[in-house]
PDB file of N, CA and C in Angstrom:
ATOM      1  N   UNK A   1       0.798  -0.999  -0.160  1.00  0.00           N
ATOM      2  CA  UNK A   1       0.043  -0.258  -0.248  1.00  0.00           C
ATOM      3  C   UNK A   1       0.969   1.560  -0.034  1.00  0.00           C
ATOM      4  N   UNK A   2       0.743   2.204  -0.754  1.00  0.00           N
ATOM      5  CA  UNK A   2       1.239   3.400  -1.047  1.00  0.00           C
ATOM      6  C   UNK A   2       0.989   4.328   0.214  1.00  0.00           C
ATOM      7  N   UNK A   3       1.976   5.308   0.654  1.00  0.00           N
ATOM      8  CA  UNK A   3       1.841   5.759   1.874  1.00  0.00           C
ATOM      9  C   UNK A   3       1.273   7.288   1.616  1.00  0.00           C
ATOM     10  N   UNK A   4       0.434   8.074   2.186  1.00  0.00           N
ATOM     11  CA  UNK A   4      -0.138   9.590   2.114  1.00  0.00           C
ATOM     12  C   UNK A   4       1.248  10.469   1.891  1.00  0.00           C
ATOM     13  N   UNK A   5       1.589  11.049   1.145  1.00  0.00           N
ATOM     14  CA  UNK A   5       2.508  12.030   1.088  1.00  0.00           C
ATOM     15  C   UNK A   5       2.344  13.223   1.921  1.00  0.00           C
ATOM     16  N   UNK A   6       1.080  13.387   2.444  1.00  0.00           N
ATOM     17  CA  UNK A   6       0.487  14.525   3.336  1.00  0.00           C
ATOM     18  C   UNK A   6       0.329  14.423   4.679  1.00  0.00           C
ATOM     19  N   UNK A   7       0.568  12.984   5.135  1.00  0.00           N
ATOM     20  CA  UNK A   7       0.400  12.318   5.889  1.00  0.00           C
ATOM     21  C   UNK A   7       1.547  13.117   7.272  1.00  0.00           C
ATOM     22  N   UNK A   8       2.473  13.356   7.057  1.00  0.00           N
ATOM     23  CA  UNK A   8       3.746  13.885   8.210  1.00  0.00           C
ATOM     24  C   UNK A   8       3.213  15.446   8.121  1.00  0.00           C
ATOM     25  N   UNK A   9       2.374  16.206   7.886  1.00  0.00           N
ATOM     26  CA  UNK A   9       2.354  17.403   7.855  1.00  0.00           C
ATOM     27  C   UNK A   9       0.848  17.964   8.772  1.00  0.00           C
ATOM     28  N   UNK A  10      -0.152  16.793   8.812  1.00  0.00           N
ATOM     29  CA  UNK A  10      -1.232  17.098   9.388  1.00  0.00           C
ATOM     30  C   UNK A  10      -0.857  17.343  10.998  1.00  0.00           C
ATOM     31  N   UNK A  11      -0.134  16.869  11.822  1.00  0.00           N
ATOM     32  CA  UNK A  11       0.159  17.571  13.193  1.00  0.00           C
ATOM     33  C   UNK A  11       0.684  18.581  13.310  1.00  0.00           C
ATOM     34  N   UNK A  12       1.714  19.073  12.401  1.00  0.00           N
ATOM     35  CA  UNK A  12       1.959  20.480  12.261  1.00  0.00           C
ATOM     36  C   UNK A  12       0.869  21.515  11.991  1.00  0.00           C
ATOM     37  N   UNK A  13       0.413  21.169  11.040  1.00  0.00           N
ATOM     38  CA  UNK A  13      -1.354  21.880  10.869  1.00  0.00           C
ATOM     39  C   UNK A  13      -1.951  21.864  12.171  1.00  0.00           C
ATOM     40  N   UNK A  14      -2.079  21.026  12.661  1.00  0.00           N
ATOM     41  CA  UNK A  14      -3.077  21.024  13.882  1.00  0.00           C
ATOM     42  C   UNK A  14      -2.391  21.831  14.872  1.00  0.00           C
ATOM     43  N   UNK A  15      -1.336  21.614  15.031  1.00  0.00           N
ATOM     44  CA  UNK A  15      -0.575  22.494  16.075  1.00  0.00           C
ATOM     45  C   UNK A  15      -0.521  24.169  15.787  1.00  0.00           C
ATOM     46  N   UNK A  16      -0.295  24.270  14.527  1.00  0.00           N
ATOM     47  CA  UNK A  16      -0.609  25.806  13.933  1.00  0.00           C
ATOM     48  C   UNK A  16      -1.852  26.447  14.505  1.00  0.00           C
ATOM     49  N   UNK A  17      -3.039  25.478  13.878  1.00  0.00           N
ATOM     50  CA  UNK A  17      -4.253  26.110  14.128  1.00  0.00           C
ATOM     51  C   UNK A  17      -4.664  26.029  15.303  1.00  0.00           C
ATOM     52  N   UNK A  18      -4.584  25.158  16.654  1.00  0.00           N
ATOM     53  CA  UNK A  18      -4.771  25.737  17.938  1.00  0.00           C
ATOM     54  C   UNK A  18      -4.108  26.560  18.434  1.00  0.00           C
ATOM     55  N   UNK A  19      -2.685  26.803  18.180  1.00  0.00           N
ATOM     56  CA  UNK A  19      -2.051  27.716  18.211  1.00  0.00           C
ATOM     57  C   UNK A  19      -2.770  28.946  18.051  1.00  0.00           C
ATOM     58  N   UNK A  20      -3.344  29.489  16.609  1.00  0.00           N
ATOM     59  CA  UNK A  20      -3.987  30.772  16.219  1.00  0.00           C
ATOM     60  C   UNK A  20      -5.247  30.751  17.106  1.00  0.00           C
ATOM     61  N   UNK A  21      -5.616  29.325  17.220  1.00  0.00           N
ATOM     62  CA  UNK A  21      -7.149  29.658  17.993  1.00  0.00           C
ATOM     63  C   UNK A  21      -7.032  30.226  19.507  1.00  0.00           C
ATOM     64  N   UNK A  22      -5.753  29.462  20.304  1.00  0.00           N
ATOM     65  CA  UNK A  22      -5.718  29.804  21.451  1.00  0.00           C
ATOM     66  C   UNK A  22      -5.271  31.506  21.457  1.00  0.00           C
ATOM     67  N   UNK A  23      -4.238  32.155  20.660  1.00  0.00           N
ATOM     68  CA  UNK A  23      -3.606  33.238  20.739  1.00  0.00           C
ATOM     69  C   UNK A  23      -4.781  34.463  20.182  1.00  0.00           C
ATOM     70  N   UNK A  24      -5.746  33.795  19.271  1.00  0.00           N
ATOM     71  CA  UNK A  24      -6.674  35.001  19.214  1.00  0.00           C
ATOM     72  C   UNK A  24      -7.704  35.047  20.030  1.00  0.00           C
ATOM     73  N   UNK A  25      -7.948  33.717  20.676  1.00  0.00           N
ATOM     74  CA  UNK A  25      -8.911  33.860  21.693  1.00  0.00           C
ATOM     75  C   UNK A  25      -8.514  34.953  23.100  1.00  0.00           C
ATOM     76  N   UNK A  26      -7.087  34.125  23.413  1.00  0.00           N
ATOM     77  CA  UNK A  26      -6.686  35.384  24.435  1.00  0.00           C
ATOM     78  C   UNK A  26      -6.416  36.593  24.572  1.00  0.00           C
ATOM     79  N   UNK A  27      -6.135  36.982  22.853  1.00  0.00           N
ATOM     80  CA  UNK A  27      -5.775  38.188  22.428  1.00  0.00           C
ATOM     81  C   UNK A  27      -7.430  39.544  22.348  1.00  0.00           C
ATOM     82  N   UNK A  28      -8.317  38.774  21.971  1.00  0.00           N
ATOM     83  CA  UNK A  28      -9.718  38.891  21.846  1.00  0.00           C
ATOM     84  C   UNK A  28     -10.363  39.356  23.348  1.00  0.00           C
ATOM     85  N   UNK A  29     -10.287  38.195  23.911  1.00  0.00           N
ATOM     86  CA  UNK A  29     -10.595  38.064  25.578  1.00  0.00           C
ATOM     87  C   UNK A  29     -10.204  39.377  26.121  1.00  0.00           C
ATOM     88  N   UNK A  30      -8.705  39.849  26.162  1.00  0.00           N
ATOM     89  CA  UNK A  30      -8.076  40.680  26.815  1.00  0.00           C
ATOM     90  C   UNK A  30      -8.122  42.697  26.116  1.00  0.00           C
ATOM     91  N   UNK A  31      -8.822  42.602  25.253  1.00  0.00           N
ATOM     92  CA  UNK A  31      -9.564  43.577  24.739  1.00  0.00           C
ATOM     93  C   UNK A  31     -10.837  44.145  25.561  1.00  0.00           C
ATOM     94  N   UNK A  32     -10.507  45.679  25.855  1.00  0.00           N
ATOM     95  CA  UNK A  32     -11.508  46.295  26.540  1.00  0.00           C
ATOM     96  C   UNK A  32     -13.002  46.434  25.963  1.00  0.00           C
ATOM     97  N   UNK A  33     -12.737  47.600  24.611  1.00  0.00           N
ATOM     98  CA  UNK A  33     -13.876  47.776  23.913  1.00  0.00           C
ATOM     99  C   UNK A  33     -14.271  46.729  22.754  1.00  0.00           C
ATOM    100  N   UNK A  34     -15.733  46.645  22.780  1.00  0.00           N
ATOM    101  CA  UNK A  34     -16.075  45.886  21.837  1.00  0.00           C
ATOM    102  C   UNK A  34     -15.797  46.030  20.095  1.00  0.00           C
ATOM    103  N   UNK A  35     -15.432  47.574  20.309  1.00  0.00           N
ATOM    104  CA  UNK A  35     -14.679  47.565  18.881  1.00  0.00           C
ATOM    105  C   UNK A  35     -13.617  47.069  18.350  1.00  0.00           C
ATOM    106  N   UNK A  36     -12.712  47.346  19.429  1.00  0.00           N
ATOM    107  CA  UNK A  36     -11.662  46.587  19.284  1.00  0.00           C
ATOM    108  C   UNK A  36     -11.333  45.193  19.166  1.00  0.00           C
ATOM    109  N   UNK A  37     -12.293  44.370  20.270  1.00  0.00           N
ATOM    110  CA  UNK A  37     -12.701  42.957  19.983  1.00  0.00           C
ATOM    111  C   UNK A  37     -13.257  42.535  18.462  1.00  0.00           C
ATOM    112  N   UNK A  38     -14.013  43.485  17.836  1.00  0.00           N
ATOM    113  CA  UNK A  38     -14.490  42.942  16.726  1.00  0.00           C
ATOM    114  C   UNK A  38     -13.427  43.042  15.528  1.00  0.00           C
ATOM    115  N   UNK A  39     -12.823  44.298  15.660  1.00  0.00           N
ATOM    116  CA  UNK A  39     -11.304  44.487  14.802  1.00  0.00           C
ATOM    117  C   UNK A  39     -10.881  43.410  14.627  1.00  0.00           C
ATOM    118  N   UNK A  40     -10.260  42.591  15.781  1.00  0.00           N
ATOM    119  CA  UNK A  40      -8.959  41.810  16.545  1.00  0.00           C
ATOM    120  C   UNK A  40      -9.514  40.193  15.862  1.00  0.00           C
ATOM    121  N   UNK A  41     -11.053  40.238  16.155  1.00  0.00           N
ATOM    122  CA  UNK A  41     -11.906  38.864  15.690  1.00  0.00           C
ATOM    123  C   UNK A  41     -11.855  38.911  14.160  1.00  0.00           C
ATOM    124  N   UNK A  42     -12.219  40.108  13.506  1.00  0.00           N
ATOM    125  CA  UNK A  42     -11.604  40.204  11.887  1.00  0.00           C
ATOM    126  C   UNK A  42     -10.725  39.679  11.573  1.00  0.00           C
ATOM    127  N   UNK A  43      -9.460  40.227  11.941  1.00  0.00           N
ATOM    128  CA  UNK A  43      -7.997  39.587  11.610  1.00  0.00           C
ATOM    129  C   UNK A  43      -7.995  38.524  12.093  1.00  0.00           C
ATOM    130  N   UNK A  44      -8.195  37.813  13.047  1.00  0.00           N
ATOM    131  CA  UNK A  44      -7.874  36.419  12.972  1.00  0.00           C
ATOM    132  C   UNK A  44      -8.680  35.226  12.399  1.00  0.00           C
ATOM    133  N   UNK A  45     -10.171  35.971  12.109  1.00  0.00           N
ATOM    134  CA  UNK A  45     -10.942  35.486  10.987  1.00  0.00           C
ATOM    135  C   UNK A  45      -9.953  35.317  10.030  1.00  0.00           C
ATOM    136  N   UNK A  46      -9.535  36.556   9.696  1.00  0.00           N
ATOM    137  CA  UNK A  46      -8.767  36.096   7.815  1.00  0.00           C
ATOM    138  C   UNK A  46      -7.459  35.530   8.132  1.00  0.00           C
ATOM    139  N   UNK A  47      -6.684  35.802   9.436  1.00  0.00           N
ATOM    140  CA  UNK A  47      -5.652  34.741   9.330  1.00  0.00           C
ATOM    141  C   UNK A  47      -5.632  33.357   9.755  1.00  0.00           C
ATOM    142  N   UNK A  48      -6.857  32.529  10.163  1.00  0.00           N
ATOM    143  CA  UNK A  48      -7.184  31.411  10.254  1.00  0.00           C
ATOM    144  C   UNK A  48      -7.727  31.175   8.602  1.00  0.00           C
ATOM    145  N   UNK A  49      -8.198  31.534   7.971  1.00  0.00           N
ATOM    146  CA  UNK A  49      -8.617  31.195   6.849  1.00  0.00           C
ATOM    147  C   UNK A  49      -7.485  31.276   5.629  1.00  0.00           C
ATOM    148  N   UNK A  50      -6.542  32.273   5.881  1.00  0.00           N
ATOM    149  CA  UNK A  50      -5.442  32.036   4.859  1.00  0.00           C
ATOM    150  C   UNK A  50      -4.276  30.743   4.936  1.00  0.00           C
ATOM    151  N   UNK A  51      -4.608  30.687   6.530  1.00  0.00           N
ATOM    152  CA  UNK A  51      -3.839  29.332   7.108  1.00  0.00           C
ATOM    153  C   UNK A  51      -4.785  28.135   6.602  1.00  0.00           C
ATOM    154  N   UNK A  52      -5.537  28.065   6.475  1.00  0.00           N
ATOM    155  CA  UNK A  52      -6.129  26.546   6.583  1.00  0.00           C
ATOM    156  C   UNK A  52      -6.453  26.770   4.677  1.00  0.00           C
ATOM    157  N   UNK A  53      -6.581  27.732   3.934  1.00  0.00           N
ATOM    158  CA  UNK A  53      -6.535  27.917   2.553  1.00  0.00           C
ATOM    159  C   UNK A  53      -5.115  27.556   1.909  1.00  0.00           C
ATOM    160  N   UNK A  54      -3.928  28.048   2.814  1.00  0.00           N
ATOM    161  CA  UNK A  54      -2.973  27.699   2.138  1.00  0.00           C
ATOM    162  C   UNK A  54      -2.356  26.349   2.581  1.00  0.00           C
ATOM    163  N   UNK A  55      -2.756  25.758   3.681  1.00  0.00           N
ATOM    164  CA  UNK A  55      -2.610  24.363   3.619  1.00  0.00           C
ATOM    165  C   UNK A  55      -3.283  23.358   2.706  1.00  0.00           C
ATOM    166  N   UNK A  56      -4.825  23.603   2.710  1.00  0.00           N
ATOM    167  CA  UNK A  56      -5.522  22.945   1.754  1.00  0.00           C
ATOM    168  C   UNK A  56      -5.046  22.563   0.215  1.00  0.00           C
ATOM    169  N   UNK A  57      -4.097  23.614   0.000  1.00  0.00           N
ATOM    170  CA  UNK A  57      -3.599  24.135  -1.551  1.00  0.00           C
ATOM    171  C   UNK A  57      -2.313  23.226  -1.732  1.00  0.00           C
ATOM    172  N   UNK A  58      -1.442  23.325  -0.574  1.00  0.00           N
ATOM    173  CA  UNK A  58      -0.330  22.616  -0.292  1.00  0.00           C
ATOM    174  C   UNK A  58      -0.886  21.023  -0.380  1.00  0.00           C
ATOM    175  N   UNK A  59      -1.626  20.417   0.096  1.00  0.00           N
ATOM    176  CA  UNK A  59      -1.950  19.428   0.523  1.00  0.00           C
ATOM    177  C   UNK A  59      -2.622  19.259  -0.878  1.00  0.00           C
ATOM    178  N   UNK A  60      -3.332  19.307  -1.410  1.00  0.00           N
ATOM    179  CA  UNK A  60      -3.846  19.479  -2.961  1.00  0.00           C
ATOM    180  C   UNK A  60      -2.946  19.179  -4.056  1.00  0.00           C
ATOM    181  N   UNK A  61      -1.780  20.227  -3.701  1.00  0.00           N
ATOM    182  CA  UNK A  61      -0.536  20.202  -4.394  1.00  0.00           C
ATOM    183  C   UNK A  61       0.092  18.552  -4.325  1.00  0.00           C
ATOM    184  N   UNK A  62       0.364  18.207  -3.088  1.00  0.00           N
ATOM    185  CA  UNK A  62       1.119  17.003  -3.047  1.00  0.00           C
ATOM    186  C   UNK A  62       0.367  16.005  -3.455  1.00  0.00           C
ATOM    187  N   UNK A  63      -1.051  16.242  -3.614  1.00  0.00           N
ATOM    188  CA  UNK A  63      -1.565  15.122  -4.203  1.00  0.00           C
ATOM    189  C   UNK A  63      -1.892  14.975  -5.596  1.00  0.00           C
ATOM    190  N   UNK A  64      -1.140  16.285  -6.329  1.00  0.00           N
ATOM    191  CA  UNK A  64      -1.053  16.233  -7.951  1.00  0.00           C
ATOM    192  C   UNK A  64      -2.593  16.414  -8.202  1.00  0.00           C
ATOM    193  N   UNK A  65      -3.562  17.598  -7.099  1.00  0.00           N
ATOM    194  CA  UNK A  65      -5.156  17.505  -7.699  1.00  0.00           C
ATOM    195  C   UNK A  65      -4.821  19.160  -7.752  1.00  0.00           C
ATOM    196  N   UNK A  66      -4.323  19.805  -8.646  1.00  0.00           N
ATOM    197  CA  UNK A  66      -4.004  20.957  -9.095  1.00  0.00           C
ATOM    198  C   UNK A  66      -5.139  21.626  -9.241  1.00  0.00           C
ATOM    199  N   UNK A  67      -6.049  21.403 -10.394  1.00  0.00           N
ATOM    200  CA  UNK A  67      -7.339  21.710 -10.555  1.00  0.00           C
ATOM    201  C   UNK A  67      -8.560  21.785  -9.115  1.00  0.00           C
ATOM    202  N   UNK A  68      -8.099  21.171  -8.443  1.00  0.00           N
ATOM    203  CA  UNK A  68      -8.874  21.419  -7.324  1.00  0.00           C
ATOM    204  C   UNK A  68      -8.845  22.675  -6.076  1.00  0.00           C
ATOM    205  N   UNK A  69      -7.832  23.097  -6.333  1.00  0.00           N
ATOM    206  CA  UNK A  69      -7.256  23.941  -5.301  1.00  0.00           C
ATOM    207  C   UNK A  69      -8.483  25.405  -5.306  1.00  0.00           C
ATOM    208  N   UNK A  70      -9.071  26.078  -6.613  1.00  0.00           N
ATOM    209  CA  UNK A  70      -9.965  27.501  -6.189  1.00  0.00           C
ATOM    210  C   UNK A  70     -11.141  26.912  -5.508  1.00  0.00           C
ATOM    211  N   UNK A  71     -11.699  25.578  -5.499  1.00  0.00           N
ATOM    212  CA  UNK A  71     -12.707  25.220  -4.814  1.00  0.00           C
ATOM    213  C   UNK A  71     -12.428  25.653  -3.113  1.00  0.00           C
ATOM    214  N   UNK A  72     -11.420  24.859  -2.744  1.00  0.00           N
ATOM    215  CA  UNK A  72     -11.558  25.087  -0.842  1.00  0.00           C
ATOM    216  C   UNK A  72     -11.077  26.600  -1.135  1.00  0.00           C
ATOM    217  N   UNK A  73     -10.177  27.014  -1.704  1.00  0.00           N
ATOM    218  CA  UNK A  73     -10.041  29.076  -1.673  1.00  0.00           C
ATOM    219  C   UNK A  73     -11.107  29.600  -1.685  1.00  0.00           C
ATOM    220  N   UNK A  74     -12.132  29.092  -2.273  1.00  0.00           N
ATOM    221  CA  UNK A  74     -13.592  29.914  -2.375  1.00  0.00           C
ATOM    222  C   UNK A  74     -14.279  29.389  -0.907  1.00  0.00           C
ATOM    223  N   UNK A  75     -14.237  28.489  -0.672  1.00  0.00           N
ATOM    224  CA  UNK A  75     -14.740  27.970   0.346  1.00  0.00           C
ATOM    225  C   UNK A  75     -14.197  28.707   1.798  1.00  0.00           C
ATOM    226  N   UNK A  76     -12.875  28.998   1.861  1.00  0.00           N
ATOM    227  CA  UNK A  76     -12.681  29.889   2.923  1.00  0.00           C
ATOM    228  C   UNK A  76     -13.041  31.016   2.844  1.00  0.00           C
ATOM    229  N   UNK A  77     -12.702  31.948   1.531  1.00  0.00           N
ATOM    230  CA  UNK A  77     -13.421  33.155   1.486  1.00  0.00           C
ATOM    231  C   UNK A  77     -14.528  33.549   1.798  1.00  0.00           C
ATOM    232  N   UNK A  78     -15.373  32.066   1.464  1.00  0.00           N
ATOM    233  CA  UNK A  78     -17.084  32.781   2.165  1.00  0.00           C
ATOM    234  C   UNK A  78     -17.173  32.467   3.348  1.00  0.00           C
ATOM    235  N   UNK A  79     -16.409  31.605   3.846  1.00  0.00           N
ATOM    236  CA  UNK A  79     -16.304  31.511   5.191  1.00  0.00           C
ATOM    237  C   UNK A  79     -15.793  32.309   6.418  1.00  0.00           C
ATOM    238  N   UNK A  80     -15.105  33.265   5.972  1.00  0.00           N
ATOM    239  CA  UNK A  80     -14.231  34.728   6.356  1.00  0.00           C
ATOM    240  C   UNK A  80     -14.930  35.173   6.146  1.00  0.00           C
ATOM    241  N   UNK A  81     -15.989  35.601   4.842  1.00  0.00           N
ATOM    242  CA  UNK A  81     -16.950  36.579   4.517  1.00  0.00           C
ATOM    243  C   UNK A  81     -18.287  36.353   5.836  1.00  0.00           C
ATOM    244  N   UNK A  82     -18.661  34.923   6.061  1.00  0.00           N
ATOM    245  CA  UNK A  82     -19.607  34.980   7.042  1.00  0.00           C
ATOM    246  C   UNK A  82     -19.596  35.090   8.371  1.00  0.00           C
ATOM    247  N   UNK A  83     -18.072  34.595   8.929  1.00  0.00           N
ATOM    248  CA  UNK A  83     -17.582  35.238  10.020  1.00  0.00           C
ATOM    249  C   UNK A  83     -17.461  36.522  10.433  1.00  0.00           C
ATOM    250  N   UNK A  84     -17.111  37.126   9.243  1.00  0.00           N
ATOM    251  CA  UNK A  84     -16.886  38.665   9.665  1.00  0.00           C
ATOM    252  C   UNK A  84     -18.542  39.711   9.519  1.00  0.00           C
ATOM    253  N   UNK A  85     -19.129  38.952   8.513  1.00  0.00           N
ATOM    254  CA  UNK A  85     -20.330  39.565   8.590  1.00  0.00           C
ATOM    255  C   UNK A  85     -21.539  39.381   9.704  1.00  0.00           C
ATOM    256  N   UNK A  86     -21.295  38.203  10.238  1.00  0.00           N
ATOM    257  CA  UNK A  86     -22.752  37.791  10.961  1.00  0.00           C
ATOM    258  C   UNK A  86     -22.186  37.573  12.646  1.00  0.00           C
ATOM    259  N   UNK A  87     -20.858  38.284  12.996  1.00  0.00           N
ATOM    260  CA  UNK A  87     -20.409  38.104  14.460  1.00  0.00           C
ATOM    261  C   UNK A  87     -20.288  39.464  14.818  1.00  0.00           C
ATOM    262  N   UNK A  88     -20.860  39.662  16.110  1.00  0.00           N
ATOM    263  CA  UNK A  88     -21.130  40.748  16.745  1.00  0.00           C
ATOM    264  C   UNK A  88     -20.379  40.850  18.202  1.00  0.00           C
ATOM    265  N   UNK A  89     -19.954  41.844  18.601  1.00  0.00           N
ATOM    266  CA  UNK A  89     -19.764  42.113  19.999  1.00  0.00           C
ATOM    267  C   UNK A  89     -20.650  43.139  20.368  1.00  0.00           C
ATOM    268  N   UNK A  90     -21.338  42.895  21.660  1.00  0.00           N
ATOM    269  CA  UNK A  90     -22.464  43.824  22.386  1.00  0.00           C
ATOM    270  C   UNK A  90     -21.631  45.080  22.892  1.00  0.00           C
ATOM    271  N   UNK A  91     -22.127  46.286  22.541  1.00  0.00           N
ATOM    272  CA  UNK A  91     -21.317  47.634  23.123  1.00  0.00           C
ATOM    273  C   UNK A  91     -22.072  47.571  25.120  1.00  0.00           C
ATOM    274  N   UNK A  92     -22.946  46.419  25.223  1.00  0.00           N
ATOM    275  CA  UNK A  92     -23.742  46.779  26.382  1.00  0.00           C
ATOM    276  C   UNK A  92     -22.886  46.268  27.212  1.00  0.00           C
ATOM    277  N   UNK A  93     -22.788  44.496  27.137  1.00  0.00           N
ATOM    278  CA  UNK A  93     -21.943  43.438  27.754  1.00  0.00           C
ATOM    279  C   UNK A  93     -20.513  43.025  27.472  1.00  0.00           C
ATOM    280  N   UNK A  94     -20.528  43.155  26.328  1.00  0.00           N
ATOM    281  CA  UNK A  94     -19.180  42.910  25.709  1.00  0.00           C
ATOM    282  C   UNK A  94     -18.978  41.653  25.262  1.00  0.00           C
ATOM    283  N   UNK A  95     -20.229  40.659  25.113  1.00  0.00           N
ATOM    284  CA  UNK A  95     -20.057  39.396  24.830  1.00  0.00           C
ATOM    285  C   UNK A  95     -20.233  39.150  23.287  1.00  0.00           C
ATOM    286  N   UNK A  96     -19.634  38.052  22.740  1.00  0.00           N
ATOM    287  CA  UNK A  96     -20.020  37.893  21.587  1.00  0.00           C
ATOM    288  C   UNK A  96     -20.957  37.188  21.005  1.00  0.00           C
ATOM    289  N   UNK A  97     -21.656  37.117  19.957  1.00  0.00           N
ATOM    290  CA  UNK A  97     -23.040  36.785  19.647  1.00  0.00           C
ATOM    291  C   UNK A  97     -22.866  36.639  17.994  1.00  0.00           C
ATOM    292  N   UNK A  98     -23.737  35.684  17.549  1.00  0.00           N
ATOM    293  CA  UNK A  98     -23.986  35.420  16.014  1.00  0.00           C
ATOM    294  C   UNK A  98     -25.159  35.220  15.537  1.00  0.00           C
ATOM    295  N   UNK A  99     -25.507  36.048  14.644  1.00  0.00           N
ATOM    296  CA  UNK A  99     -26.847  36.593  14.014  1.00  0.00           C
ATOM    297  C   UNK A  99     -27.278  35.366  13.277  1.00  0.00           C
ATOM    298  N   UNK A 100     -27.927  34.607  13.570  1.00  0.00           N
ATOM    299  CA  UNK A 100     -28.260  33.483  12.917  1.00  0.00           C
ATOM    300  C   UNK A 100     -29.149  33.630  11.471  1.00  0.00           C
ATOM    301  N   UNK A 101     -29.767  34.540  11.257  1.00  0.00           N
ATOM    302  CA  UNK A 101     -30.750  34.981  10.476  1.00  0.00           C
ATOM    303  C   UNK A 101     -29.953  35.923   9.367  1.00  0.00           C
ATOM    304  N   UNK A 102     -29.973  35.415   8.343  1.00  0.00           N
ATOM    305  CA  UNK A 102     -28.792  36.035   7.352  1.00  0.00           C
ATOM    306  C   UNK A 102     -29.865  37.566   6.513  1.00  0.00           C
ATOM    307  N   UNK A 103     -30.970  37.311   6.507  1.00  0.00           N
ATOM    308  CA  UNK A 103     -31.788  38.241   6.162  1.00  0.00           C
ATOM    309  C   UNK A 103     -32.650  39.566   6.780  1.00  0.00           C
ATOM    310  N   UNK A 104     -32.521  39.112   7.798  1.00  0.00           N
ATOM    311  CA  UNK A 104     -33.133  40.057   9.086  1.00  0.00           C
ATOM    312  C   UNK A 104     -31.924  41.544   9.066  1.00  0.00           C
ATOM    313  N   UNK A 105     -32.693  42.730   9.561  1.00  0.00           N
ATOM    314  CA  UNK A 105     -31.703  43.766   9.756  1.00  0.00           C
ATOM    315  C   UNK A 105     -31.840  44.096  11.088  1.00  0.00           C
ATOM    316  N   UNK A 106     -32.661  43.550  11.911  1.00  0.00           N
ATOM    317  CA  UNK A 106     -32.550  43.540  13.447  1.00  0.00           C
ATOM    318  C   UNK A 106     -32.064  42.444  14.115  1.00  0.00           C
ATOM    319  N   UNK A 107     -31.368  42.687  15.090  1.00  0.00           N
ATOM    320  CA  UNK A 107     -30.596  41.904  15.846  1.00  0.00           C
ATOM    321  C   UNK A 107     -30.241  42.184  17.174  1.00  0.00           C
ATOM    322  N   UNK A 108     -30.763  41.629  18.175  1.00  0.00           N
ATOM    323  CA  UNK A 108     -30.243  41.653  19.864  1.00  0.00           C
ATOM    324  C   UNK A 108     -29.466  40.738  20.318  1.00  0.00           C
ATOM    325  N   UNK A 109     -28.789  41.325  21.019  1.00  0.00           N
ATOM    326  CA  UNK A 109     -27.737  40.752  22.265  1.00  0.00           C
ATOM    327  C   UNK A 109     -28.404  39.543  22.892  1.00  0.00           C
ATOM    328  N   UNK A 110     -28.392  37.998  22.617  1.00  0.00           N
ATOM    329  CA  UNK A 110     -29.040  37.072  23.434  1.00  0.00           C
ATOM    330  C   UNK A 110     -28.379  37.191  24.942  1.00  0.00           C
ATOM    331  N   UNK A 111     -27.445  37.931  25.233  1.00  0.00           N
ATOM    332  CA  UNK A 111     -26.800  38.021  26.648  1.00  0.00           C
ATOM    333  C   UNK A 111     -27.570  38.777  27.506  1.00  0.00           C
ATOM    334  N   UNK A 112     -28.114  40.088  26.933  1.00  0.00           N
ATOM    335  CA  UNK A 112     -28.353  41.227  27.377  1.00  0.00           C
ATOM    336  C   UNK A 112     -29.607  41.985  26.931  1.00  0.00           C
ATOM    337  N   UNK A 113     -29.992  41.448  25.825  1.00  0.00           N
ATOM    338  CA  UNK A 113     -30.775  42.076  24.652  1.00  0.00           C
ATOM    339  C   UNK A 113     -31.089  43.448  24.214  1.00  0.00           C
ATOM    340  N   UNK A 114     -29.505  44.438  24.194  1.00  0.00           N
ATOM    341  CA  UNK A 114     -29.258  45.410  23.434  1.00  0.00           C
ATOM    342  C   UNK A 114     -29.241  45.009  22.045  1.00  0.00           C
ATOM    343  N   UNK A 115     -29.878  46.162  21.452  1.00  0.00           N
ATOM    344  CA  UNK A 115     -29.539  46.156  19.968  1.00  0.00           C
ATOM    345  C   UNK A 115     -28.447  46.062  19.670  1.00  0.00           C
ATOM    346  N   UNK A 116     -28.356  45.396  18.535  1.00  0.00           N
ATOM    347  CA  UNK A 116     -26.998  45.265  18.144  1.00  0.00           C
ATOM    348  C   UNK A 116     -27.184  45.375  16.522  1.00  0.00           C
ATOM    349  N   UNK A 117     -27.690  44.910  16.176  1.00  0.00           N
ATOM    350  CA  UNK A 117     -27.755  46.135  14.007  1.00  0.00           C
ATOM    351  C   UNK A 117     -28.932  46.166  13.999  1.00  0.00           C
TER     352      UNK A 117
END
């Protein structure tokens, strides 16, 4: 049986992904203003999306599946957009919340009821 050429890279990918997640979580948690939390959340979403997209492209290159590279990259861009568009930090309580309705113009904080958009 042929071994997978990408297998040695997956532990490094997971260590990097967990490191990005923990670092961004700690950094966002220590910010005092909701606007700063939102700004750094958007930055961490972009960094994580780029990290995942580059790794997926690298793995598809190792597997000689170059024609599939645009699909995961487009999926990463779409997921980054959704994270940035539908994640809010409340001005009143400072907690993070997610809008589940893509079409609704009004969204209230589920923790304190403050109007977010």
